[in-house]
Amino acid sequence: MHNTQAHSNNRGTFARRNLWSGILFGLGFVAFLDEALFHQLLHWHKFYDKSTVAVGLISDGLFHAFSYFATVGALFLVADLRRRNALWHKMWWGGKLLGAGAFQLYDGTVQHKIMRIHQIRYNVDLLPYDLVWNISAAVMILVGIGLVVNARRDQREGRGAFANA
């Protein structure tokens, strides 16, 4: 089988794995950035701010472990896709942006506003922070959806790497 055709077939066969490894990576990566930047470096909040500092530190540790394992797990899936010559960058980046945006939107709406387990910052006007946080999450989700839809269209129409399939 021609190498481009094998590559195209592998992409199609492993489309879902490309998408889900991207989603997992996006979730883990944005959670890692949130933890490192807002929790550790800026000290704006802990994952769980409704208790003692010790409980907040434990919650941050668990949150950090989640982000680390999600990111590393996703990279193992990416390594497997590369080994199979099936890594589909457009689909993976679409998944990555979907995962990152979904995490950020969930954090900004459910954790910040509904559950109120923490806020982005304290003792400031939250509206600008909330707007930037949630609008950037929505933009990531929309761009991610656009990439996934575009990748699926490429596959259906035989464009790009699928042209020789």
N, C-alpha and C. Protein backbone atom coordinates (compact mmCIF):
# COMPACT_ATOMS: atom_id res chain seq x y z
N MET A 1 0.85 -1.18 0.00
CA MET A 1 0.00 0.00 0.00
C MET A 1 0.89 1.23 0.00
N HIS A 2 0.54 2.21 -0.78
CA HIS A 2 1.28 3.47 -0.85
C HIS A 2 1.30 4.13 0.53
N ASN A 3 2.45 4.74 0.90
CA ASN A 3 2.63 5.31 2.24
C ASN A 3 1.58 6.38 2.56
N THR A 4 1.25 7.26 1.60
CA THR A 4 0.24 8.29 1.84
C THR A 4 -1.12 7.66 2.05
N GLN A 5 -1.41 6.60 1.29
CA GLN A 5 -2.69 5.91 1.45
C GLN A 5 -2.75 5.23 2.82
N ALA A 6 -1.67 4.61 3.26
CA ALA A 6 -1.64 3.98 4.58
C ALA A 6 -1.82 5.04 5.67
N HIS A 7 -1.15 6.18 5.49
CA HIS A 7 -1.27 7.28 6.45
C HIS A 7 -2.73 7.76 6.51
N SER A 8 -3.36 7.91 5.35
CA SER A 8 -4.75 8.36 5.30
C SER A 8 -5.68 7.36 5.96
N ASN A 9 -5.48 6.08 5.67
CA ASN A 9 -6.32 5.04 6.28
C ASN A 9 -6.13 5.01 7.79
N ASN A 10 -4.88 5.17 8.24
CA ASN A 10 -4.62 5.18 9.68
C ASN A 10 -5.31 6.36 10.35
N ARG A 11 -5.25 7.52 9.71
CA ARG A 11 -5.92 8.69 10.27
C ARG A 11 -7.41 8.42 10.42
N GLY A 12 -8.02 7.91 9.38
CA GLY A 12 -9.45 7.64 9.44
C GLY A 12 -9.79 6.60 10.49
N THR A 13 -8.98 5.55 10.57
CA THR A 13 -9.21 4.48 11.54
C THR A 13 -9.07 4.99 12.97
N PHE A 14 -8.13 5.89 13.19
CA PHE A 14 -7.84 6.37 14.54
C PHE A 14 -8.31 7.82 14.77
N ALA A 15 -9.32 8.25 14.04
CA ALA A 15 -9.83 9.62 14.18
C ALA A 15 -10.30 9.88 15.60
N ARG A 16 -11.04 8.96 16.17
CA ARG A 16 -11.58 9.15 17.53
C ARG A 16 -10.44 9.21 18.55
N ARG A 17 -9.43 8.39 18.39
CA ARG A 17 -8.29 8.41 19.32
C ARG A 17 -7.53 9.73 19.21
N ASN A 18 -7.38 10.25 17.99
CA ASN A 18 -6.76 11.57 17.82
C ASN A 18 -7.56 12.64 18.56
N LEU A 19 -8.87 12.60 18.38
CA LEU A 19 -9.73 13.60 19.03
C LEU A 19 -9.65 13.49 20.55
N TRP A 20 -9.80 12.28 21.09
CA TRP A 20 -9.84 12.12 22.54
C TRP A 20 -8.48 12.33 23.20
N SER A 21 -7.39 11.99 22.50
CA SER A 21 -6.08 12.29 23.09
C SER A 21 -5.86 13.79 23.12
N GLY A 22 -6.35 14.51 22.11
CA GLY A 22 -6.28 15.96 22.11
C GLY A 22 -7.11 16.57 23.23
N ILE A 23 -8.33 16.05 23.42
CA ILE A 23 -9.19 16.55 24.49
C ILE A 23 -8.53 16.33 25.85
N LEU A 24 -8.00 15.13 26.06
CA LEU A 24 -7.34 14.83 27.33
C LEU A 24 -6.13 15.72 27.55
N PHE A 25 -5.35 15.94 26.50
CA PHE A 25 -4.19 16.82 26.61
C PHE A 25 -4.62 18.25 26.92
N GLY A 26 -5.64 18.73 26.22
CA GLY A 26 -6.13 20.09 26.47
C GLY A 26 -6.61 20.28 27.89
N LEU A 27 -7.37 19.31 28.41
CA LEU A 27 -7.83 19.36 29.80
C LEU A 27 -6.64 19.42 30.75
N GLY A 28 -5.72 18.50 30.58
CA GLY A 28 -4.57 18.42 31.48
C GLY A 28 -3.67 19.63 31.39
N PHE A 29 -3.44 20.10 30.18
CA PHE A 29 -2.52 21.23 29.97
C PHE A 29 -3.07 22.51 30.58
N VAL A 30 -4.35 22.80 30.33
CA VAL A 30 -4.93 24.03 30.88
C VAL A 30 -5.07 23.92 32.40
N ALA A 31 -5.39 22.73 32.90
CA ALA A 31 -5.43 22.54 34.35
C ALA A 31 -4.05 22.77 34.94
N PHE A 32 -3.02 22.27 34.27
CA PHE A 32 -1.64 22.48 34.73
C PHE A 32 -1.30 23.97 34.74
N LEU A 33 -1.64 24.69 33.67
CA LEU A 33 -1.36 26.13 33.63
C LEU A 33 -2.11 26.87 34.73
N ASP A 34 -3.37 26.51 34.94
CA ASP A 34 -4.17 27.12 36.00
C ASP A 34 -3.51 26.90 37.35
N GLU A 35 -3.13 25.67 37.61
CA GLU A 35 -2.50 25.32 38.89
C GLU A 35 -1.18 26.06 39.07
N ALA A 36 -0.32 25.99 38.07
CA ALA A 36 1.01 26.59 38.19
C ALA A 36 0.93 28.12 38.27
N LEU A 37 0.15 28.72 37.40
CA LEU A 37 0.11 30.18 37.34
C LEU A 37 -0.74 30.81 38.45
N PHE A 38 -2.02 30.44 38.52
CA PHE A 38 -2.94 31.12 39.43
C PHE A 38 -2.86 30.62 40.87
N HIS A 39 -2.53 29.34 41.04
CA HIS A 39 -2.46 28.78 42.39
C HIS A 39 -1.07 28.98 43.00
N GLN A 40 -0.03 28.58 42.27
CA GLN A 40 1.30 28.55 42.85
C GLN A 40 2.07 29.86 42.69
N LEU A 41 2.11 30.41 41.50
CA LEU A 41 2.93 31.60 41.27
C LEU A 41 2.26 32.89 41.73
N LEU A 42 0.99 33.07 41.38
CA LEU A 42 0.30 34.31 41.74
C LEU A 42 -0.42 34.24 43.09
N HIS A 43 -0.66 33.04 43.60
CA HIS A 43 -1.35 32.84 44.89
C HIS A 43 -2.74 33.48 44.90
N TRP A 44 -3.44 33.43 43.75
CA TRP A 44 -4.77 34.05 43.67
C TRP A 44 -5.83 33.21 44.37
N HIS A 45 -5.68 31.89 44.31
CA HIS A 45 -6.65 31.01 44.96
C HIS A 45 -6.08 29.60 45.06
N LYS A 46 -6.78 28.76 45.79
CA LYS A 46 -6.52 27.33 45.85
C LYS A 46 -7.66 26.64 45.09
N PHE A 47 -7.50 25.35 44.83
CA PHE A 47 -8.58 24.63 44.17
C PHE A 47 -9.84 24.66 45.04
N TYR A 48 -9.66 24.49 46.34
CA TYR A 48 -10.78 24.53 47.27
C TYR A 48 -10.47 25.56 48.35
N ASP A 49 -11.16 26.71 48.29
CA ASP A 49 -10.89 27.82 49.20
C ASP A 49 -11.84 27.90 50.39
N LYS A 50 -12.72 26.93 50.57
CA LYS A 50 -13.73 27.04 51.62
C LYS A 50 -13.33 26.36 52.92
N SER A 51 -12.05 26.16 53.13
CA SER A 51 -11.59 25.48 54.35
C SER A 51 -10.26 26.08 54.77
N THR A 52 -9.46 25.29 55.44
CA THR A 52 -8.17 25.74 55.94
C THR A 52 -7.13 25.78 54.81
N VAL A 53 -6.02 26.42 55.08
CA VAL A 53 -4.92 26.45 54.12
C VAL A 53 -4.43 25.03 53.83
N ALA A 54 -4.37 24.18 54.86
CA ALA A 54 -3.92 22.79 54.67
C ALA A 54 -4.84 22.05 53.71
N VAL A 55 -6.14 22.20 53.86
CA VAL A 55 -7.09 21.55 52.95
C VAL A 55 -6.93 22.12 51.54
N GLY A 56 -6.71 23.44 51.45
CA GLY A 56 -6.47 24.06 50.14
C GLY A 56 -5.23 23.50 49.47
N LEU A 57 -4.18 23.28 50.23
CA LEU A 57 -2.94 22.71 49.67
C LEU A 57 -3.14 21.27 49.22
N ILE A 58 -3.88 20.50 50.00
CA ILE A 58 -4.17 19.11 49.60
C ILE A 58 -5.00 19.11 48.32
N SER A 59 -6.00 19.99 48.25
CA SER A 59 -6.82 20.04 47.03
C SER A 59 -5.98 20.46 45.83
N ASP A 60 -5.05 21.37 46.03
CA ASP A 60 -4.16 21.75 44.93
C ASP A 60 -3.28 20.59 44.50
N GLY A 61 -2.80 19.81 45.47
CA GLY A 61 -1.98 18.65 45.13
C GLY A 61 -2.74 17.63 44.31
N LEU A 62 -3.97 17.36 44.69
CA LEU A 62 -4.80 16.42 43.92
C LEU A 62 -5.10 16.97 42.52
N PHE A 63 -5.39 18.25 42.46
CA PHE A 63 -5.65 18.91 41.17
C PHE A 63 -4.41 18.84 40.28
N HIS A 64 -3.25 19.09 40.86
CA HIS A 64 -2.00 19.03 40.12
C HIS A 64 -1.74 17.60 39.62
N ALA A 65 -2.01 16.62 40.46
CA ALA A 65 -1.83 15.22 40.04
C ALA A 65 -2.76 14.89 38.87
N PHE A 66 -4.02 15.34 38.93
CA PHE A 66 -4.94 15.13 37.82
C PHE A 66 -4.38 15.72 36.53
N SER A 67 -3.92 16.98 36.60
CA SER A 67 -3.44 17.64 35.39
C SER A 67 -2.21 16.93 34.83
N TYR A 68 -1.33 16.50 35.72
CA TYR A 68 -0.12 15.80 35.30
C TYR A 68 -0.46 14.47 34.62
N PHE A 69 -1.30 13.66 35.26
CA PHE A 69 -1.64 12.35 34.69
C PHE A 69 -2.44 12.48 33.40
N ALA A 70 -3.32 13.47 33.31
CA ALA A 70 -4.07 13.67 32.07
C ALA A 70 -3.14 14.04 30.93
N THR A 71 -2.20 14.94 31.19
CA THR A 71 -1.26 15.38 30.15
C THR A 71 -0.33 14.24 29.73
N VAL A 72 0.23 13.54 30.69
CA VAL A 72 1.14 12.43 30.37
C VAL A 72 0.38 11.30 29.68
N GLY A 73 -0.81 10.98 30.16
CA GLY A 73 -1.62 9.94 29.51
C GLY A 73 -1.91 10.30 28.06
N ALA A 74 -2.25 11.55 27.82
CA ALA A 74 -2.52 11.99 26.45
C ALA A 74 -1.28 11.86 25.58
N LEU A 75 -0.12 12.17 26.13
CA LEU A 75 1.12 12.06 25.35
C LEU A 75 1.47 10.61 25.03
N PHE A 76 1.12 9.68 25.91
CA PHE A 76 1.28 8.26 25.57
C PHE A 76 0.38 7.90 24.39
N LEU A 77 -0.84 8.41 24.38
CA LEU A 77 -1.73 8.15 23.24
C LEU A 77 -1.17 8.77 21.96
N VAL A 78 -0.60 9.96 22.06
CA VAL A 78 0.01 10.61 20.89
C VAL A 78 1.20 9.78 20.40
N ALA A 79 2.01 9.28 21.30
CA ALA A 79 3.15 8.44 20.90
C ALA A 79 2.66 7.20 20.16
N ASP A 80 1.57 6.61 20.65
CA ASP A 80 1.00 5.44 19.97
C ASP A 80 0.48 5.81 18.59
N LEU A 81 -0.17 6.95 18.47
CA LEU A 81 -0.65 7.39 17.16
C LEU A 81 0.51 7.63 16.21
N ARG A 82 1.57 8.23 16.70
CA ARG A 82 2.76 8.45 15.84
C ARG A 82 3.36 7.11 15.41
N ARG A 83 3.43 6.17 16.34
CA ARG A 83 3.98 4.85 16.02
C ARG A 83 3.16 4.17 14.92
N ARG A 84 1.88 4.39 14.94
CA ARG A 84 0.98 3.78 13.95
C ARG A 84 0.87 4.63 12.68
N ASN A 85 1.65 5.72 12.64
CA ASN A 85 1.59 6.66 11.51
C ASN A 85 0.15 7.17 11.32
N ALA A 86 -0.49 7.51 12.44
CA ALA A 86 -1.90 7.89 12.41
C ALA A 86 -2.17 9.22 13.10
N LEU A 87 -1.12 9.97 13.47
CA LEU A 87 -1.36 11.25 14.13
C LEU A 87 -1.94 12.23 13.12
N TRP A 88 -3.09 12.78 13.46
CA TRP A 88 -3.83 13.69 12.59
C TRP A 88 -3.84 15.04 13.29
N HIS A 89 -2.92 15.90 12.92
CA HIS A 89 -2.68 17.14 13.65
C HIS A 89 -3.93 18.03 13.74
N LYS A 90 -4.65 18.16 12.66
CA LYS A 90 -5.83 19.03 12.68
C LYS A 90 -6.88 18.50 13.65
N MET A 91 -7.11 17.20 13.63
CA MET A 91 -8.08 16.59 14.55
C MET A 91 -7.58 16.71 15.99
N TRP A 92 -6.27 16.45 16.20
CA TRP A 92 -5.71 16.50 17.55
C TRP A 92 -5.77 17.92 18.12
N TRP A 93 -5.40 18.92 17.32
CA TRP A 93 -5.47 20.31 17.79
C TRP A 93 -6.91 20.73 18.05
N GLY A 94 -7.83 20.26 17.24
CA GLY A 94 -9.24 20.53 17.51
C GLY A 94 -9.66 19.96 18.85
N GLY A 95 -9.24 18.73 19.12
CA GLY A 95 -9.53 18.11 20.42
C GLY A 95 -8.85 18.85 21.56
N LYS A 96 -7.61 19.25 21.34
CA LYS A 96 -6.87 19.98 22.37
C LYS A 96 -7.60 21.27 22.75
N LEU A 97 -8.03 22.02 21.76
CA LEU A 97 -8.75 23.27 22.04
C LEU A 97 -10.12 23.01 22.67
N LEU A 98 -10.79 21.94 22.24
CA LEU A 98 -12.06 21.57 22.87
C LEU A 98 -11.86 21.22 24.35
N GLY A 99 -10.86 20.42 24.64
CA GLY A 99 -10.59 20.03 26.02
C GLY A 99 -10.19 21.21 26.88
N ALA A 100 -9.32 22.05 26.36
CA ALA A 100 -8.87 23.23 27.10
C ALA A 100 -10.04 24.18 27.36
N GLY A 101 -10.81 24.45 26.34
CA GLY A 101 -11.95 25.35 26.49
C GLY A 101 -13.02 24.79 27.40
N ALA A 102 -13.27 23.49 27.28
CA ALA A 102 -14.29 22.87 28.15
C ALA A 102 -13.87 22.92 29.61
N PHE A 103 -12.59 22.62 29.87
CA PHE A 103 -12.12 22.71 31.25
C PHE A 103 -12.28 24.13 31.77
N GLN A 104 -11.84 25.09 30.98
CA GLN A 104 -11.86 26.48 31.43
C GLN A 104 -13.30 26.98 31.62
N LEU A 105 -14.21 26.62 30.73
CA LEU A 105 -15.60 27.05 30.86
C LEU A 105 -16.26 26.39 32.07
N TYR A 106 -15.99 25.10 32.27
CA TYR A 106 -16.51 24.40 33.46
C TYR A 106 -15.98 25.07 34.73
N ASP A 107 -14.69 25.33 34.76
CA ASP A 107 -14.07 25.97 35.92
C ASP A 107 -14.70 27.35 36.17
N GLY A 108 -14.83 28.13 35.11
CA GLY A 108 -15.32 29.49 35.25
C GLY A 108 -16.80 29.60 35.58
N THR A 109 -17.58 28.61 35.19
CA THR A 109 -19.02 28.68 35.46
C THR A 109 -19.42 27.80 36.65
N VAL A 110 -19.09 26.53 36.59
CA VAL A 110 -19.54 25.61 37.64
C VAL A 110 -18.76 25.82 38.94
N GLN A 111 -17.43 25.78 38.86
CA GLN A 111 -16.64 25.89 40.09
C GLN A 111 -16.64 27.30 40.66
N HIS A 112 -16.55 28.32 39.78
CA HIS A 112 -16.49 29.69 40.28
C HIS A 112 -17.87 30.22 40.68
N LYS A 113 -18.88 29.99 39.89
CA LYS A 113 -20.16 30.65 40.10
C LYS A 113 -21.23 29.77 40.75
N ILE A 114 -21.33 28.52 40.34
CA ILE A 114 -22.38 27.66 40.90
C ILE A 114 -21.96 27.06 42.23
N MET A 115 -20.81 26.38 42.25
CA MET A 115 -20.34 25.74 43.48
C MET A 115 -19.62 26.72 44.40
N ARG A 116 -19.06 27.77 43.82
CA ARG A 116 -18.31 28.79 44.56
C ARG A 116 -17.18 28.20 45.42
N ILE A 117 -16.48 27.19 44.88
CA ILE A 117 -15.38 26.59 45.65
C ILE A 117 -14.12 27.46 45.61
N HIS A 118 -14.05 28.33 44.61
CA HIS A 118 -13.01 29.36 44.55
C HIS A 118 -13.41 30.37 43.49
N GLN A 119 -12.75 31.52 43.51
CA GLN A 119 -12.90 32.54 42.47
C GLN A 119 -11.55 32.69 41.79
N ILE A 120 -11.53 33.39 40.67
CA ILE A 120 -10.25 33.62 39.99
C ILE A 120 -9.33 34.41 40.92
N ARG A 121 -9.88 35.46 41.51
CA ARG A 121 -9.14 36.33 42.43
C ARG A 121 -10.10 36.78 43.51
N TYR A 122 -9.54 37.34 44.54
CA TYR A 122 -10.35 37.88 45.63
C TYR A 122 -10.03 39.36 45.82
N ASN A 123 -10.99 40.08 46.38
CA ASN A 123 -10.84 41.49 46.72
C ASN A 123 -10.59 42.37 45.50
N VAL A 124 -11.17 41.99 44.36
CA VAL A 124 -11.11 42.79 43.14
C VAL A 124 -12.48 42.71 42.47
N ASP A 125 -12.71 43.55 41.47
CA ASP A 125 -13.91 43.45 40.66
C ASP A 125 -13.75 42.21 39.77
N LEU A 126 -14.59 41.21 39.98
CA LEU A 126 -14.45 39.94 39.27
C LEU A 126 -14.91 39.98 37.82
N LEU A 127 -15.77 40.92 37.46
CA LEU A 127 -16.36 40.92 36.12
C LEU A 127 -15.31 40.87 35.01
N PRO A 128 -14.27 41.72 35.00
CA PRO A 128 -13.28 41.62 33.91
C PRO A 128 -12.59 40.26 33.87
N TYR A 129 -12.27 39.71 35.02
CA TYR A 129 -11.62 38.40 35.08
C TYR A 129 -12.56 37.31 34.54
N ASP A 130 -13.81 37.34 34.99
CA ASP A 130 -14.78 36.35 34.54
C ASP A 130 -15.01 36.44 33.03
N LEU A 131 -15.11 37.66 32.52
CA LEU A 131 -15.33 37.82 31.08
C LEU A 131 -14.16 37.27 30.27
N VAL A 132 -12.94 37.64 30.64
CA VAL A 132 -11.76 37.15 29.91
C VAL A 132 -11.68 35.64 30.00
N TRP A 133 -11.88 35.09 31.20
CA TRP A 133 -11.78 33.65 31.42
C TRP A 133 -12.79 32.88 30.58
N ASN A 134 -14.05 33.29 30.67
CA ASN A 134 -15.12 32.53 30.01
C ASN A 134 -15.21 32.80 28.52
N ILE A 135 -14.94 34.02 28.08
CA ILE A 135 -14.94 34.30 26.65
C ILE A 135 -13.78 33.58 25.96
N SER A 136 -12.60 33.58 26.59
CA SER A 136 -11.48 32.85 25.98
C SER A 136 -11.77 31.35 25.93
N ALA A 137 -12.48 30.83 26.92
CA ALA A 137 -12.88 29.42 26.90
C ALA A 137 -13.83 29.16 25.73
N ALA A 138 -14.80 30.02 25.53
CA ALA A 138 -15.76 29.85 24.43
C ALA A 138 -15.06 29.94 23.08
N VAL A 139 -14.08 30.84 22.96
CA VAL A 139 -13.33 30.96 21.70
C VAL A 139 -12.56 29.67 21.43
N MET A 140 -11.90 29.12 22.46
CA MET A 140 -11.18 27.85 22.27
C MET A 140 -12.12 26.74 21.82
N ILE A 141 -13.29 26.67 22.44
CA ILE A 141 -14.27 25.64 22.06
C ILE A 141 -14.71 25.82 20.62
N LEU A 142 -15.04 27.04 20.23
CA LEU A 142 -15.49 27.28 18.85
C LEU A 142 -14.40 26.98 17.82
N VAL A 143 -13.18 27.39 18.09
CA VAL A 143 -12.07 27.09 17.16
C VAL A 143 -11.83 25.58 17.11
N GLY A 144 -11.89 24.92 18.27
CA GLY A 144 -11.73 23.47 18.31
C GLY A 144 -12.80 22.75 17.49
N ILE A 145 -14.04 23.16 17.66
CA ILE A 145 -15.13 22.57 16.86
C ILE A 145 -14.88 22.81 15.38
N GLY A 146 -14.46 24.02 15.04
CA GLY A 146 -14.17 24.33 13.64
C GLY A 146 -13.09 23.43 13.06
N LEU A 147 -12.02 23.18 13.82
CA LEU A 147 -10.95 22.31 13.34
C LEU A 147 -11.42 20.87 13.17
N VAL A 148 -12.21 20.37 14.12
CA VAL A 148 -12.72 19.00 14.03
C VAL A 148 -13.65 18.85 12.83
N VAL A 149 -14.56 19.79 12.65
CA VAL A 149 -15.48 19.75 11.51
C VAL A 149 -14.70 19.82 10.20
N ASN A 150 -13.70 20.70 10.15
CA ASN A 150 -12.89 20.84 8.95
C ASN A 150 -12.11 19.57 8.66
N ALA A 151 -11.56 18.94 9.69
CA ALA A 151 -10.81 17.69 9.50
C ALA A 151 -11.74 16.60 8.98
N ARG A 152 -12.93 16.50 9.53
CA ARG A 152 -13.89 15.48 9.05
C ARG A 152 -14.31 15.75 7.61
N ARG A 153 -14.46 17.03 7.27
CA ARG A 153 -14.80 17.39 5.88
C ARG A 153 -13.67 17.00 4.95
N ASP A 154 -12.41 17.27 5.36
CA ASP A 154 -11.26 16.86 4.55
C ASP A 154 -11.31 15.36 4.29
N GLN A 155 -11.64 14.59 5.32
CA GLN A 155 -11.69 13.14 5.18
C GLN A 155 -12.80 12.72 4.21
N ARG A 156 -13.98 13.29 4.38
CA ARG A 156 -15.11 12.93 3.51
C ARG A 156 -14.85 13.30 2.06
N GLU A 157 -14.22 14.45 1.85
CA GLU A 157 -14.01 14.95 0.49
C GLU A 157 -12.69 14.51 -0.12
N GLY A 158 -11.89 13.75 0.65
CA GLY A 158 -10.63 13.25 0.13
C GLY A 158 -9.58 14.33 -0.11
N ARG A 159 -9.61 15.36 0.74
CA ARG A 159 -8.63 16.46 0.61
C ARG A 159 -7.44 16.20 1.51
N GLY A 160 -6.35 16.92 1.23
CA GLY A 160 -5.15 16.84 2.06
C GLY A 160 -4.56 15.45 2.01
N ALA A 161 -4.24 14.90 3.18
CA ALA A 161 -3.62 13.58 3.26
C ALA A 161 -4.58 12.48 2.82
N PHE A 162 -5.87 12.80 2.69
CA PHE A 162 -6.84 11.79 2.29
C PHE A 162 -7.01 11.74 0.77
N ALA A 163 -6.34 12.60 0.03
CA ALA A 163 -6.53 12.69 -1.42
C ALA A 163 -6.16 11.41 -2.15
N ASN A 164 -5.17 10.66 -1.63
CA ASN A 164 -4.73 9.46 -2.31
C ASN A 164 -5.34 8.19 -1.71
N ALA A 165 -6.29 8.34 -0.82
CA ALA A 165 -6.85 7.15 -0.15
C ALA A 165 -7.76 6.37 -1.05
